[in-house]
PDB file of N, CA and C in Angstrom:
ATOM      1  N   MET A   1      46.173  83.293  86.417  1.00  0.00           N
ATOM      2  CA  MET A   1      45.379  84.503  86.490  1.00  0.00           C
ATOM      3  C   MET A   1      45.834  85.297  87.713  1.00  0.00           C
ATOM      4  N   PRO A   2      46.182  86.532  87.528  1.00  0.00           N
ATOM      5  CA  PRO A   2      46.628  87.355  88.662  1.00  0.00           C
ATOM      6  C   PRO A   2      45.475  87.616  89.644  1.00  0.00           C
ATOM      7  N   MET A   3      45.831  87.830  90.873  1.00  0.00           N
ATOM      8  CA  MET A   3      44.845  88.076  91.920  1.00  0.00           C
ATOM      9  C   MET A   3      44.004  89.314  91.617  1.00  0.00           C
ATOM     10  N   THR A   4      44.598  90.317  90.997  1.00  0.00           N
ATOM     11  CA  THR A   4      43.863  91.553  90.682  1.00  0.00           C
ATOM     12  C   THR A   4      42.729  91.291  89.692  1.00  0.00           C
ATOM     13  N   ASP A   5      42.894  90.286  88.837  1.00  0.00           N
ATOM     14  CA  ASP A   5      41.828  89.918  87.906  1.00  0.00           C
ATOM     15  C   ASP A   5      40.793  89.002  88.577  1.00  0.00           C
ATOM     16  N   LEU A   6      41.257  88.225  89.508  1.00  0.00           N
ATOM     17  CA  LEU A   6      40.400  87.223  90.151  1.00  0.00           C
ATOM     18  C   LEU A   6      39.423  87.841  91.155  1.00  0.00           C
ATOM     19  N   LEU A   7      39.866  88.821  91.917  1.00  0.00           N
ATOM     20  CA  LEU A   7      39.027  89.406  92.966  1.00  0.00           C
ATOM     21  C   LEU A   7      37.723  90.013  92.442  1.00  0.00           C
ATOM     22  N   PRO A   8      37.734  90.810  91.398  1.00  0.00           N
ATOM     23  CA  PRO A   8      36.451  91.336  90.894  1.00  0.00           C
ATOM     24  C   PRO A   8      35.497  90.227  90.445  1.00  0.00           C
ATOM     25  N   THR A   9      36.056  89.181  89.849  1.00  0.00           N
ATOM     26  CA  THR A   9      35.225  88.053  89.422  1.00  0.00           C
ATOM     27  C   THR A   9      34.578  87.383  90.624  1.00  0.00           C
ATOM     28  N   LEU A  10      35.376  87.169  91.678  1.00  0.00           N
ATOM     29  CA  LEU A  10      34.839  86.555  92.889  1.00  0.00           C
ATOM     30  C   LEU A  10      33.774  87.435  93.541  1.00  0.00           C
ATOM     31  N   GLN A  11      33.992  88.731  93.549  1.00  0.00           N
ATOM     32  CA  GLN A  11      33.025  89.644  94.151  1.00  0.00           C
ATOM     33  C   GLN A  11      31.691  89.632  93.409  1.00  0.00           C
ATOM     34  N   SER A  12      31.714  89.367  92.130  1.00  0.00           N
ATOM     35  CA  SER A  12      30.480  89.387  91.338  1.00  0.00           C
ATOM     36  C   SER A  12      29.685  88.074  91.425  1.00  0.00           C
ATOM     37  N   LEU A  13      30.268  87.064  92.054  1.00  0.00           N
ATOM     38  CA  LEU A  13      29.581  85.775  92.171  1.00  0.00           C
ATOM     39  C   LEU A  13      28.383  85.870  93.106  1.00  0.00           C
ATOM     40  N   PRO A  14      27.359  85.044  92.865  1.00  0.00           N
ATOM     41  CA  PRO A  14      26.258  84.960  93.813  1.00  0.00           C
ATOM     42  C   PRO A  14      26.739  84.348  95.144  1.00  0.00           C
ATOM     43  N   HIS A  15      25.977  84.581  96.183  1.00  0.00           N
ATOM     44  CA  HIS A  15      26.352  84.142  97.529  1.00  0.00           C
ATOM     45  C   HIS A  15      26.675  82.640  97.581  1.00  0.00           C
ATOM     46  N   ALA A  16      25.815  81.819  97.007  1.00  0.00           N
ATOM     47  CA  ALA A  16      26.017  80.367  97.041  1.00  0.00           C
ATOM     48  C   ALA A  16      27.323  79.970  96.351  1.00  0.00           C
ATOM     49  N   ASP A  17      27.645  80.627  95.262  1.00  0.00           N
ATOM     50  CA  ASP A  17      28.893  80.324  94.553  1.00  0.00           C
ATOM     51  C   ASP A  17      30.109  80.746  95.373  1.00  0.00           C
ATOM     52  N   LYS A  18      29.981  81.874  96.088  1.00  0.00           N
ATOM     53  CA  LYS A  18      31.081  82.309  96.951  1.00  0.00           C
ATOM     54  C   LYS A  18      31.346  81.276  98.033  1.00  0.00           C
ATOM     55  N   ILE A  19      30.286  80.709  98.599  1.00  0.00           N
ATOM     56  CA  ILE A  19      30.450  79.674  99.628  1.00  0.00           C
ATOM     57  C   ILE A  19      31.149  78.459  99.036  1.00  0.00           C
ATOM     58  N   GLN A  20      30.772  78.066  97.826  1.00  0.00           N
ATOM     59  CA  GLN A  20      31.425  76.932  97.174  1.00  0.00           C
ATOM     60  C   GLN A  20      32.904  77.207  96.923  1.00  0.00           C
ATOM     61  N   VAL A  21      33.232  78.432  96.548  1.00  0.00           N
ATOM     62  CA  VAL A  21      34.635  78.794  96.329  1.00  0.00           C
ATOM     63  C   VAL A  21      35.417  78.689  97.638  1.00  0.00           C
ATOM     64  N   VAL A  22      34.829  79.188  98.719  1.00  0.00           N
ATOM     65  CA  VAL A  22      35.496  79.123 100.031  1.00  0.00           C
ATOM     66  C   VAL A  22      35.702  77.665 100.434  1.00  0.00           C
ATOM     67  N   GLN A  23      34.672  76.831 100.269  1.00  0.00           N
ATOM     68  CA  GLN A  23      34.803  75.415 100.612  1.00  0.00           C
ATOM     69  C   GLN A  23      35.886  74.742  99.772  1.00  0.00           C
ATOM     70  N   PHE A  24      35.930  75.074  98.508  1.00  0.00           N
ATOM     71  CA  PHE A  24      36.948  74.509  97.628  1.00  0.00           C
ATOM     72  C   PHE A  24      38.347  74.911  98.090  1.00  0.00           C
ATOM     73  N   LEU A  25      38.520  76.203  98.391  1.00  0.00           N
ATOM     74  CA  LEU A  25      39.837  76.678  98.819  1.00  0.00           C
ATOM     75  C   LEU A  25      40.257  76.060 100.155  1.00  0.00           C
ATOM     76  N   VAL A  26      39.329  75.930 101.069  1.00  0.00           N
ATOM     77  CA  VAL A  26      39.649  75.312 102.361  1.00  0.00           C
ATOM     78  C   VAL A  26      40.065  73.864 102.164  1.00  0.00           C
ATOM     79  N   SER A  27      39.357  73.138 101.320  1.00  0.00           N
ATOM     80  CA  SER A  27      39.726  71.736 101.088  1.00  0.00           C
ATOM     81  C   SER A  27      41.094  71.633 100.417  1.00  0.00           C
ATOM     82  N   GLN A  28      41.400  72.560  99.522  1.00  0.00           N
ATOM     83  CA  GLN A  28      42.720  72.563  98.886  1.00  0.00           C
ATOM     84  C   GLN A  28      43.820  72.829  99.911  1.00  0.00           C
ATOM     85  N   LEU A  29      43.573  73.787 100.794  1.00  0.00           N
ATOM     86  CA  LEU A  29      44.562  74.096 101.841  1.00  0.00           C
ATOM     87  C   LEU A  29      44.754  72.912 102.780  1.00  0.00           C
ATOM     88  N   GLU A  30      43.659  72.250 103.127  1.00  0.00           N
ATOM     89  CA  GLU A  30      43.768  71.078 103.993  1.00  0.00           C
ATOM     90  C   GLU A  30      44.626  70.003 103.340  1.00  0.00           C
ATOM     91  N   ARG A  31      44.374  69.739 102.074  1.00  0.00           N
ATOM     92  CA  ARG A  31      45.154  68.709 101.365  1.00  0.00           C
ATOM     93  C   ARG A  31      46.636  69.070 101.330  1.00  0.00           C
ATOM     94  N   GLU A  32      46.928  70.315 101.062  1.00  0.00           N
ATOM     95  CA  GLU A  32      48.329  70.741 100.990  1.00  0.00           C
ATOM     96  C   GLU A  32      49.009  70.585 102.347  1.00  0.00           C
ATOM     97  N   GLU A  33      48.320  70.967 103.421  1.00  0.00           N
ATOM     98  CA  GLU A  33      48.918  70.862 104.747  1.00  0.00           C
ATOM     99  C   GLU A  33      49.097  69.416 105.153  1.00  0.00           C
ATOM    100  N   VAL A  34      48.117  68.565 104.862  1.00  0.00           N
ATOM    101  CA  VAL A  34      48.213  67.155 105.233  1.00  0.00           C
ATOM    102  C   VAL A  34      49.374  66.511 104.503  1.00  0.00           C
ATOM    103  N   ILE A  35      49.526  66.826 103.240  1.00  0.00           N
ATOM    104  CA  ILE A  35      50.629  66.252 102.466  1.00  0.00           C
ATOM    105  C   ILE A  35      51.964  66.665 103.075  1.00  0.00           C
ATOM    106  N   GLU A  36      52.068  67.912 103.521  1.00  0.00           N
ATOM    107  CA  GLU A  36      53.321  68.383 104.111  1.00  0.00           C
ATOM    108  C   GLU A  36      53.571  67.760 105.476  1.00  0.00           C
ATOM    109  N   LEU A  37      52.495  67.500 106.249  1.00  0.00           N
ATOM    110  CA  LEU A  37      52.659  67.007 107.609  1.00  0.00           C
ATOM    111  C   LEU A  37      52.855  65.506 107.691  1.00  0.00           C
ATOM    112  N   LEU A  38      52.324  64.771 106.726  1.00  0.00           N
ATOM    113  CA  LEU A  38      52.394  63.312 106.814  1.00  0.00           C
ATOM    114  C   LEU A  38      53.786  62.795 106.480  1.00  0.00           C
ATOM    115  N   THR A  39      54.200  61.849 107.257  1.00  0.00           N
ATOM    116  CA  THR A  39      55.420  61.101 106.976  1.00  0.00           C
ATOM    117  C   THR A  39      55.047  59.635 107.055  1.00  0.00           C
ATOM    118  N   PRO A  40      55.898  58.748 106.642  1.00  0.00           N
ATOM    119  CA  PRO A  40      55.538  57.327 106.668  1.00  0.00           C
ATOM    120  C   PRO A  40      55.067  56.891 108.058  1.00  0.00           C
ATOM    121  N   PRO A  41      54.034  56.020 108.112  1.00  0.00           N
ATOM    122  CA  PRO A  41      53.445  55.648 109.400  1.00  0.00           C
ATOM    123  C   PRO A  41      54.416  54.967 110.360  1.00  0.00           C
ATOM    124  N   GLU A  42      55.445  54.334 109.853  1.00  0.00           N
ATOM    125  CA  GLU A  42      56.366  53.652 110.752  1.00  0.00           C
ATOM    126  C   GLU A  42      57.154  54.633 111.632  1.00  0.00           C
ATOM    127  N   LEU A  43      57.078  55.923 111.324  1.00  0.00           N
ATOM    128  CA  LEU A  43      57.774  56.919 112.125  1.00  0.00           C
ATOM    129  C   LEU A  43      56.950  57.384 113.322  1.00  0.00           C
ATOM    130  N   TYR A  44      55.643  57.041 113.339  1.00  0.00           N
ATOM    131  CA  TYR A  44      54.776  57.458 114.425  1.00  0.00           C
ATOM    132  C   TYR A  44      54.660  56.344 115.452  1.00  0.00           C
ATOM    133  N   PRO A  45      54.788  56.668 116.733  1.00  0.00           N
ATOM    134  CA  PRO A  45      54.577  55.620 117.743  1.00  0.00           C
ATOM    135  C   PRO A  45      53.101  55.236 117.775  1.00  0.00           C
ATOM    136  N   ARG A  46      52.844  53.968 117.926  1.00  0.00           N
ATOM    137  CA  ARG A  46      51.468  53.478 117.992  1.00  0.00           C
ATOM    138  C   ARG A  46      51.233  52.906 119.372  1.00  0.00           C
ATOM    139  N   TRP A  47      50.214  53.409 120.058  1.00  0.00           N
ATOM    140  CA  TRP A  47      49.901  52.907 121.377  1.00  0.00           C
ATOM    141  C   TRP A  47      48.990  51.706 121.246  1.00  0.00           C
ATOM    142  N   SER A  48      49.176  50.747 122.113  1.00  0.00           N
ATOM    143  CA  SER A  48      48.343  49.559 122.128  1.00  0.00           C
ATOM    144  C   SER A  48      47.975  49.255 123.572  1.00  0.00           C
ATOM    145  N   PRO A  49      46.757  48.759 123.806  1.00  0.00           N
ATOM    146  CA  PRO A  49      46.372  48.422 125.176  1.00  0.00           C
ATOM    147  C   PRO A  49      47.086  47.184 125.706  1.00  0.00           C
ATOM    148  N   PHE A  50      47.692  46.410 124.838  1.00  0.00           N
ATOM    149  CA  PHE A  50      48.419  45.226 125.280  1.00  0.00           C
ATOM    150  C   PHE A  50      49.632  45.652 126.105  1.00  0.00           C
ATOM    151  N   ASP A  51      49.851  44.960 127.165  1.00  0.00           N
ATOM    152  CA  ASP A  51      50.952  45.240 128.090  1.00  0.00           C
ATOM    153  C   ASP A  51      50.827  46.610 128.758  1.00  0.00           C
ATOM    154  N   ALA A  52      49.595  47.105 128.876  1.00  0.00           N
ATOM    155  CA  ALA A  52      49.360  48.384 129.559  1.00  0.00           C
ATOM    156  C   ALA A  52      48.962  48.093 131.006  1.00  0.00           C
ATOM    157  N   VAL A  53      49.826  47.386 131.703  1.00  0.00           N
ATOM    158  CA  VAL A  53      49.538  46.948 133.064  1.00  0.00           C
ATOM    159  C   VAL A  53      49.352  48.136 134.000  1.00  0.00           C
ATOM    160  N   ASP A  54      50.180  49.154 133.866  1.00  0.00           N
ATOM    161  CA  ASP A  54      50.060  50.325 134.737  1.00  0.00           C
ATOM    162  C   ASP A  54      48.703  51.000 134.570  1.00  0.00           C
ATOM    163  N   ALA A  55      48.218  51.081 133.349  1.00  0.00           N
ATOM    164  CA  ALA A  55      46.921  51.706 133.096  1.00  0.00           C
ATOM    165  C   ALA A  55      45.808  50.879 133.725  1.00  0.00           C
ATOM    166  N   ALA A  56      45.874  49.574 133.584  1.00  0.00           N
ATOM    167  CA  ALA A  56      44.852  48.695 134.163  1.00  0.00           C
ATOM    168  C   ALA A  56      44.855  48.800 135.683  1.00  0.00           C
ATOM    169  N   GLU A  57      46.033  48.818 136.282  1.00  0.00           N
ATOM    170  CA  GLU A  57      46.121  48.940 137.742  1.00  0.00           C
ATOM    171  C   GLU A  57      45.556  50.284 138.207  1.00  0.00           C
ATOM    172  N   GLY A  58      45.844  51.334 137.465  1.00  0.00           N
ATOM    173  CA  GLY A  58      45.321  52.653 137.807  1.00  0.00           C
ATOM    174  C   GLY A  58      43.805  52.697 137.751  1.00  0.00           C
ATOM    175  N   LEU A  59      43.220  52.075 136.727  1.00  0.00           N
ATOM    176  CA  LEU A  59      41.763  52.038 136.621  1.00  0.00           C
ATOM    177  C   LEU A  59      41.148  51.222 137.748  1.00  0.00           C
ATOM    178  N   LEU A  60      41.749  50.077 138.075  1.00  0.00           N
ATOM    179  CA  LEU A  60      41.226  49.256 139.168  1.00  0.00           C
ATOM    180  C   LEU A  60      41.282  50.003 140.492  1.00  0.00           C
ATOM    181  N   LYS A  61      42.356  50.735 140.728  1.00  0.00           N
ATOM    182  CA  LYS A  61      42.478  51.510 141.964  1.00  0.00           C
ATOM    183  C   LYS A  61      41.422  52.608 142.003  1.00  0.00           C
ATOM    184  N   MET A  62      41.210  53.276 140.885  1.00  0.00           N
ATOM    185  CA  MET A  62      40.215  54.334 140.827  1.00  0.00           C
ATOM    186  C   MET A  62      38.814  53.774 141.084  1.00  0.00           C
ATOM    187  N   LEU A  63      38.495  52.621 140.506  1.00  0.00           N
ATOM    188  CA  LEU A  63      37.192  51.996 140.735  1.00  0.00           C
ATOM    189  C   LEU A  63      37.025  51.588 142.194  1.00  0.00           C
ATOM    190  N   ALA A  64      38.080  51.069 142.798  1.00  0.00           N
ATOM    191  CA  ALA A  64      38.012  50.682 144.214  1.00  0.00           C
ATOM    192  C   ALA A  64      37.787  51.911 145.093  1.00  0.00           C
ATOM    193  N   ASP A  65      38.450  53.019 144.782  1.00  0.00           N
ATOM    194  CA  ASP A  65      38.267  54.261 145.550  1.00  0.00           C
ATOM    195  C   ASP A  65      36.828  54.756 145.441  1.00  0.00           C
ATOM    196  N   VAL A  66      36.270  54.717 144.244  1.00  0.00           N
ATOM    197  CA  VAL A  66      34.894  55.162 144.043  1.00  0.00           C
ATOM    198  C   VAL A  66      33.935  54.243 144.787  1.00  0.00           C
ATOM    199  N   LYS A  67      34.193  52.960 144.734  1.00  0.00           N
ATOM    200  CA  LYS A  67      33.330  51.984 145.400  1.00  0.00           C
ATOM    201  C   LYS A  67      33.323  52.215 146.907  1.00  0.00           C
ATOM    202  N   GLN A  68      34.447  52.611 147.488  1.00  0.00           N
ATOM    203  CA  GLN A  68      34.517  52.886 148.923  1.00  0.00           C
ATOM    204  C   GLN A  68      33.714  54.130 149.280  1.00  0.00           C
ATOM    205  N   ARG A  69      33.717  55.131 148.407  1.00  0.00           N
ATOM    206  CA  ARG A  69      33.039  56.393 148.698  1.00  0.00           C
ATOM    207  C   ARG A  69      31.548  56.364 148.390  1.00  0.00           C
ATOM    208  N   VAL A  70      31.133  55.538 147.448  1.00  0.00           N
ATOM    209  CA  VAL A  70      29.747  55.527 146.999  1.00  0.00           C
ATOM    210  C   VAL A  70      29.155  54.155 147.254  1.00  0.00           C
ATOM    211  N   GLU A  71      27.983  54.133 147.863  1.00  0.00           N
ATOM    212  CA  GLU A  71      27.315  52.859 148.074  1.00  0.00           C
ATOM    213  C   GLU A  71      26.603  52.488 146.791  1.00  0.00           C
ATOM    214  N   ILE A  72      27.009  51.386 146.202  1.00  0.00           N
ATOM    215  CA  ILE A  72      26.419  50.924 144.937  1.00  0.00           C
ATOM    216  C   ILE A  72      25.377  49.874 145.269  1.00  0.00           C
ATOM    217  N   PRO A  73      24.127  50.071 144.815  1.00  0.00           N
ATOM    218  CA  PRO A  73      23.077  49.081 145.091  1.00  0.00           C
ATOM    219  C   PRO A  73      23.410  47.736 144.472  1.00  0.00           C
ATOM    220  N   HIS A  74      22.959  46.670 145.107  1.00  0.00           N
ATOM    221  CA  HIS A  74      23.211  45.331 144.570  1.00  0.00           C
ATOM    222  C   HIS A  74      22.507  45.147 143.235  1.00  0.00           C
ATOM    223  N   GLY A  75      23.097  44.395 142.368  1.00  0.00           N
ATOM    224  CA  GLY A  75      22.515  44.133 141.062  1.00  0.00           C
ATOM    225  C   GLY A  75      22.891  45.158 140.003  1.00  0.00           C
ATOM    226  N   VAL A  76      23.734  46.124 140.374  1.00  0.00           N
ATOM    227  CA  VAL A  76      24.156  47.131 139.397  1.00  0.00           C
ATOM    228  C   VAL A  76      25.557  46.827 138.967  1.00  0.00           C
TER     229      VAL A  76
END
């Protein structure tokens, strides 16, 4: 159906139906874009917390710095 035929039909729809049409079109566009963007998962790097020694050391240092600046009540 050509766009010139479709537009008058869409304009004559009730408000609720227009919203449903918009939602339908957005979901269709999302699916098309996702299909184009996805490649096999083995091509994406996967981060894991295992062997993240630098991150752990950074967090421990940050906690020690905060502990020096802020008096933390006992039992917390």
